[in-house]
Amino acid sequence: MARAARLALGLAVAAMAAAALPPPAARAEQGAPATLRLVPAGRTADGRPMAALLMDLADGWKTYWRAPGEAGVPPRIDWSGSENLARAEALWPRPDAFESFGMLTLGYKHAMTLPLALAPERADRPMRLRMRIDYGVCSDICMPGSAELSLELPAGGAPAPEAVAARLSAALADGPQDAARAGVAMARCALEGAGGERRLTALLRLPAAMRAHAPAVVVEGPEGVWFDPPRVSPAAEGIEIAADALLDDPALWVARSAVRVTVLAGSGFFELTGCPAG
């Protein structure tokens, strides 16, 4: 989603009409290096209620983005205990790239703020959110963590707590930027091989200024398909990438439309969806 659109998601912190539920409250859960909270976050520009996952980390600790890179544990969120929730969309802000034990990883230091756009089954009824999250954190050592969080939202959502409104606004503003406006595009893409031997190759067009920043590239596939960190080489128009796929089932069909390539270059953060033949 373009940065302008993410800004437009902004927090609906103005007063909202009273609803059937009392003011919502979230329960925090704390592990040794991390404290997690689930809080209301207003509404999106198109009227969807929002929540946000806040993770605060002890000094020297970091956690991981949805695709952690060469090492790390990707977070896994389970909403199955929720009531009146049809879908939750995570609006991931730009991760930091850092080295972990000699490998490139992507994630967040100090804190993570993850806005969540919610779709209720019935818009006129409250939502009772039950989140279970499994995640990883690292310092000099790495360790897994898990938390179970709950939040009740009235119909239409609830405003963000004043104490975290600026933090949520910053996370929304730090989402993917407009790739077309920045001159970032996937010029061609191919999915090759069969069975358990699959590979994605692509040419990504990047402006020269971005190429100078040694872009980090992440390739993601549909459910059951994982891509190794891609090999990146310079090209006249940008960069060439090649990434081997790991499939849960060798017979699985990999839809081109379900491929997503993320490019991090300097302050740039771009998502390219689909694998166009060329």
Protein backbone atom coordinates (compact mmCIF):
# COMPACT_ATOMS: atom_id res chain seq x y z
CA MET A 1 0.00 0.00 0.00
CA ALA A 2 1.39 3.42 -0.88
CA ARG A 3 2.71 5.64 1.89
CA ALA A 4 0.02 8.27 1.23
CA ALA A 5 -2.66 5.62 1.66
CA ARG A 6 -1.06 4.40 4.87
CA LEU A 7 -1.06 7.93 6.22
CA ALA A 8 -4.73 8.12 5.33
CA LEU A 9 -5.38 5.08 7.49
CA GLY A 10 -4.55 7.46 10.39
CA LEU A 11 -6.03 6.96 13.76
CA ALA A 12 -9.63 7.92 14.33
CA VAL A 13 -8.90 9.40 17.74
CA ALA A 14 -11.89 11.71 17.70
CA ALA A 15 -14.74 10.83 20.00
CA MET A 16 -16.72 7.82 18.85
CA ALA A 17 -20.29 6.96 19.58
CA ALA A 18 -20.97 4.90 22.67
CA ALA A 19 -21.59 1.22 22.01
CA ALA A 20 -22.87 -1.83 23.80
CA LEU A 21 -19.55 -2.67 25.44
CA PRO A 22 -17.86 -0.69 28.22
CA PRO A 23 -14.58 1.07 27.34
CA PRO A 24 -12.24 -1.59 25.92
CA ALA A 25 -9.27 -2.81 27.88
CA ALA A 26 -6.32 -4.94 26.87
CA ARG A 27 -4.33 -7.36 28.96
CA ALA A 28 -0.55 -7.10 28.73
CA GLU A 29 1.68 -10.13 28.88
CA GLN A 30 5.33 -9.95 29.86
CA GLY A 31 8.19 -12.34 29.26
CA ALA A 32 11.81 -11.82 30.28
CA PRO A 33 12.80 -9.58 27.32
CA ALA A 34 9.40 -8.48 25.96
CA THR A 35 6.10 -6.97 27.07
CA LEU A 36 3.13 -7.28 24.68
CA ARG A 37 -0.17 -5.40 24.60
CA LEU A 38 -3.20 -5.45 22.32
CA VAL A 39 -4.87 -2.02 22.16
CA PRO A 40 -7.66 -0.33 20.18
CA ALA A 41 -6.41 1.80 17.27
CA GLY A 42 -9.35 3.72 15.81
CA ARG A 43 -10.49 3.09 12.25
CA THR A 44 -9.02 2.94 8.76
CA ALA A 45 -9.84 5.51 6.10
CA ASP A 46 -12.46 3.11 4.70
CA GLY A 47 -14.10 2.64 8.09
CA ARG A 48 -12.67 -0.68 9.26
CA PRO A 49 -12.01 -0.93 12.99
CA MET A 50 -8.38 -1.30 13.99
CA ALA A 51 -6.33 -2.73 16.82
CA ALA A 52 -2.57 -2.71 17.32
CA LEU A 53 -0.05 -5.11 18.78
CA LEU A 54 2.58 -3.32 20.85
CA MET A 55 5.77 -5.16 21.78
CA ASP A 56 8.30 -3.38 24.00
CA LEU A 57 11.73 -4.99 24.25
CA ALA A 58 14.38 -4.87 26.93
CA ASP A 59 17.63 -3.08 26.07
CA GLY A 60 19.74 -5.03 23.60
CA TRP A 61 16.91 -7.27 22.36
CA LYS A 62 15.24 -7.39 18.95
CA THR A 63 12.34 -9.25 17.37
CA TYR A 64 11.58 -10.26 13.80
CA TRP A 65 9.54 -9.07 10.82
CA ARG A 66 7.02 -11.32 9.07
CA ALA A 67 9.92 -12.71 6.94
CA PRO A 68 13.03 -12.62 9.14
CA GLY A 69 15.69 -13.07 6.46
CA GLU A 70 18.53 -15.57 6.72
CA ALA A 71 17.88 -16.32 10.40
CA GLY A 72 15.26 -15.72 13.04
CA VAL A 73 11.76 -16.80 13.95
CA PRO A 74 8.83 -15.26 12.03
CA PRO A 75 5.88 -14.30 14.23
CA ARG A 76 2.79 -16.49 13.98
CA ILE A 77 -0.59 -15.09 15.01
CA ASP A 78 -3.68 -17.19 15.72
CA TRP A 79 -7.08 -15.49 16.02
CA SER A 80 -9.13 -18.69 16.29
CA GLY A 81 -10.51 -17.87 19.75
CA SER A 82 -11.98 -14.54 18.64
CA GLU A 83 -15.69 -13.73 18.31
CA ASN A 84 -17.21 -11.77 15.42
CA LEU A 85 -13.87 -11.53 13.59
CA ALA A 86 -13.84 -12.50 9.91
CA ARG A 87 -10.32 -11.32 9.08
CA ALA A 88 -7.36 -9.40 10.51
CA GLU A 89 -4.83 -7.75 8.18
CA ALA A 90 -1.41 -6.92 9.60
CA LEU A 91 -0.06 -3.59 8.27
CA TRP A 92 3.64 -4.18 8.76
CA PRO A 93 5.88 -1.10 9.12
CA ARG A 94 9.33 -1.02 7.56
CA PRO A 95 11.74 -3.40 9.33
CA ASP A 96 15.36 -2.67 10.13
CA ALA A 97 18.08 -4.80 8.54
CA PHE A 98 20.77 -6.00 10.92
CA GLU A 99 23.38 -8.70 11.16
CA SER A 100 22.73 -11.59 13.52
CA PHE A 101 25.48 -14.18 13.97
CA GLY A 102 26.92 -13.25 10.58
CA MET A 103 23.56 -13.44 8.76
CA LEU A 104 21.24 -10.70 7.48
CA THR A 105 18.01 -10.53 9.45
CA LEU A 106 15.02 -8.18 9.37
CA GLY A 107 13.10 -6.99 12.37
CA TYR A 108 12.75 -4.36 15.07
CA LYS A 109 14.92 -3.14 17.93
CA HIS A 110 13.56 -1.59 21.12
CA ALA A 111 9.90 -1.91 20.12
CA MET A 112 7.49 -3.18 17.48
CA THR A 113 4.17 -1.53 16.64
CA LEU A 114 1.92 -3.60 14.38
CA PRO A 115 -1.37 -1.98 13.26
CA LEU A 116 -4.16 -4.47 12.52
CA ALA A 117 -7.10 -3.72 10.19
CA LEU A 118 -10.11 -5.79 11.26
CA ALA A 119 -13.13 -7.09 9.37
CA PRO A 120 -16.00 -8.13 11.65
CA GLU A 121 -18.49 -10.79 10.64
CA ARG A 122 -21.28 -8.44 11.74
CA ALA A 123 -20.47 -4.74 11.62
CA ASP A 124 -23.25 -3.88 14.08
CA ARG A 125 -21.91 -6.12 16.82
CA PRO A 126 -18.88 -5.90 19.13
CA MET A 127 -15.73 -7.91 18.56
CA ARG A 128 -13.98 -9.98 21.18
CA LEU A 129 -10.40 -10.47 20.06
CA ARG A 130 -8.31 -13.37 21.28
CA MET A 131 -4.77 -13.37 19.93
CA ARG A 132 -2.13 -16.02 20.44
CA ILE A 133 1.26 -15.01 19.10
CA ASP A 134 4.43 -17.08 18.88
CA TYR A 135 7.55 -15.02 18.21
CA GLY A 136 11.30 -14.96 18.56
CA VAL A 137 13.64 -12.49 20.27
CA CYS A 138 17.41 -12.24 20.14
CA SER A 139 20.24 -10.55 22.00
CA ASP A 140 23.47 -12.43 22.70
CA ILE A 141 21.21 -15.48 22.67
CA CYS A 142 17.93 -16.19 20.88
CA MET A 143 14.80 -17.55 22.48
CA PRO A 144 11.18 -18.20 21.52
CA GLY A 145 8.28 -16.44 23.19
CA SER A 146 4.52 -16.68 23.19
CA ALA A 147 1.65 -14.62 24.52
CA GLU A 148 -2.13 -14.74 24.69
CA LEU A 149 -3.81 -11.34 24.52
CA SER A 150 -7.42 -10.23 24.54
CA LEU A 151 -9.31 -7.07 23.66
CA GLU A 152 -13.00 -6.17 23.44
CA LEU A 153 -14.01 -3.61 20.83
CA PRO A 154 -17.45 -2.03 20.40
CA ALA A 155 -19.13 -2.06 17.00
CA GLY A 156 -17.15 0.27 14.74
CA GLY A 157 -14.02 0.14 16.88
CA ALA A 158 -12.61 2.43 19.55
CA PRO A 159 -10.07 5.27 19.58
CA ALA A 160 -6.43 4.61 20.33
CA PRO A 161 -5.23 5.39 23.86
CA GLU A 162 -3.72 8.87 23.85
CA ALA A 163 -0.43 7.53 25.21
CA VAL A 164 0.19 5.39 22.11
CA ALA A 165 -1.53 7.43 19.37
CA ALA A 166 1.72 8.99 18.12
CA ARG A 167 3.42 5.59 18.08
CA LEU A 168 0.62 4.12 15.98
CA SER A 169 0.63 7.06 13.57
CA ALA A 170 4.38 6.61 13.06
CA ALA A 171 3.94 2.89 12.31
CA LEU A 172 1.24 3.60 9.74
CA ALA A 173 3.37 6.28 8.09
CA ASP A 174 6.31 3.85 7.87
CA GLY A 175 4.51 1.36 5.62
CA PRO A 176 5.34 0.42 2.01
CA GLN A 177 5.89 3.34 -0.36
CA ASP A 178 4.50 3.92 -3.84
CA ALA A 179 6.75 1.75 -6.02
CA ALA A 180 5.58 3.19 -9.36
CA ARG A 181 6.23 6.75 -8.26
CA ALA A 182 9.70 5.81 -7.05
CA GLY A 183 10.57 4.00 -10.31
CA VAL A 184 10.63 0.54 -8.72
CA ALA A 185 9.12 -2.29 -10.76
CA MET A 186 9.40 -5.97 -11.60
CA ALA A 187 10.40 -5.97 -15.26
CA ARG A 188 10.14 -9.73 -15.67
CA CYS A 189 9.73 -12.80 -13.53
CA ALA A 190 9.88 -16.56 -14.02
CA LEU A 191 8.96 -19.57 -11.89
CA GLU A 192 10.99 -22.54 -13.07
CA GLY A 193 11.28 -26.21 -12.19
CA ALA A 194 8.83 -28.82 -10.93
CA GLY A 195 8.12 -30.86 -7.85
CA GLY A 196 10.40 -29.95 -4.98
CA GLU A 197 12.89 -28.16 -7.27
CA ARG A 198 11.46 -24.70 -7.94
CA ARG A 199 13.19 -21.38 -8.45
CA LEU A 200 12.07 -17.80 -8.94
CA THR A 201 14.18 -15.46 -11.06
CA ALA A 202 13.34 -11.81 -11.71
CA LEU A 203 14.68 -8.51 -12.95
CA LEU A 204 13.82 -5.61 -10.63
CA ARG A 205 14.08 -2.08 -12.00
CA LEU A 206 15.57 0.28 -9.43
CA PRO A 207 16.82 3.87 -9.72
CA ALA A 208 20.60 4.16 -9.59
CA ALA A 209 20.47 5.92 -6.20
CA MET A 210 18.77 2.90 -4.65
CA ARG A 211 21.19 0.42 -6.18
CA ALA A 212 24.00 2.20 -4.37
CA HIS A 213 22.51 1.14 -1.01
CA ALA A 214 22.97 -2.64 -1.53
CA PRO A 215 19.23 -3.41 -1.49
CA ALA A 216 17.90 -6.17 0.73
CA VAL A 217 15.30 -8.31 -1.06
CA VAL A 218 12.75 -10.74 0.40
CA VAL A 219 10.63 -13.15 -1.66
CA GLU A 220 7.43 -14.57 -0.14
CA GLY A 221 5.02 -17.13 -1.55
CA PRO A 222 1.53 -18.43 -0.76
CA GLU A 223 0.72 -20.71 2.16
CA GLY A 224 3.03 -23.72 2.17
CA VAL A 225 5.71 -22.11 -0.02
CA TRP A 226 8.90 -20.61 1.37
CA PHE A 227 11.73 -18.94 -0.52
CA ASP A 228 15.37 -18.91 0.52
CA PRO A 229 17.00 -15.47 0.74
CA PRO A 230 17.55 -14.52 -2.91
CA ARG A 231 20.90 -14.21 -4.60
CA VAL A 232 21.23 -10.62 -5.83
CA SER A 233 23.42 -9.44 -8.71
CA PRO A 234 23.65 -6.06 -10.49
CA ALA A 235 21.98 -5.50 -13.85
CA ALA A 236 21.88 -2.58 -16.26
CA GLU A 237 18.36 -1.57 -15.20
CA GLY A 238 18.50 -2.59 -11.58
CA ILE A 239 19.17 -5.97 -9.99
CA GLU A 240 18.65 -9.62 -10.87
CA ILE A 241 17.39 -11.95 -8.15
CA ALA A 242 17.18 -15.75 -7.91
CA ALA A 243 15.51 -17.56 -5.01
CA ASP A 244 15.01 -21.29 -4.46
CA ALA A 245 11.60 -22.40 -3.19
CA LEU A 246 10.84 -24.83 -0.38
CA LEU A 247 7.40 -26.46 -0.62
CA ASP A 248 5.43 -28.28 2.07
CA ASP A 249 4.01 -30.42 -0.73
CA PRO A 250 6.08 -30.93 -3.94
CA ALA A 251 2.82 -31.19 -5.91
CA LEU A 252 1.65 -27.75 -4.74
CA TRP A 253 0.73 -25.23 -7.44
CA VAL A 254 2.53 -21.90 -6.94
CA ALA A 255 0.29 -19.13 -8.24
CA ARG A 256 2.19 -16.23 -9.79
CA SER A 257 -0.30 -13.78 -8.33
CA ALA A 258 0.54 -14.94 -4.79
CA VAL A 259 4.24 -14.06 -5.00
CA ARG A 260 5.38 -10.95 -3.15
CA VAL A 261 8.82 -9.33 -3.46
CA THR A 262 9.89 -6.73 -0.88
CA VAL A 263 12.76 -4.34 -1.55
CA LEU A 264 14.56 -2.40 1.20
CA ALA A 265 17.00 0.17 -0.18
CA GLY A 266 18.22 3.01 2.02
CA SER A 267 15.05 4.57 3.41
CA GLY A 268 12.96 2.95 0.66
CA PHE A 269 10.45 0.20 1.44
CA PHE A 270 8.55 -1.29 -1.52
CA GLU A 271 6.31 -4.31 -2.07
CA LEU A 272 5.79 -5.80 -5.54
CA THR A 273 2.94 -8.27 -5.84
CA GLY A 274 2.73 -10.94 -8.55
CA CYS A 275 5.27 -12.55 -10.85
CA PRO A 276 4.68 -11.17 -14.36
CA ALA A 277 6.03 -13.23 -17.24
CA GLY A 278 8.41 -11.40 -19.51
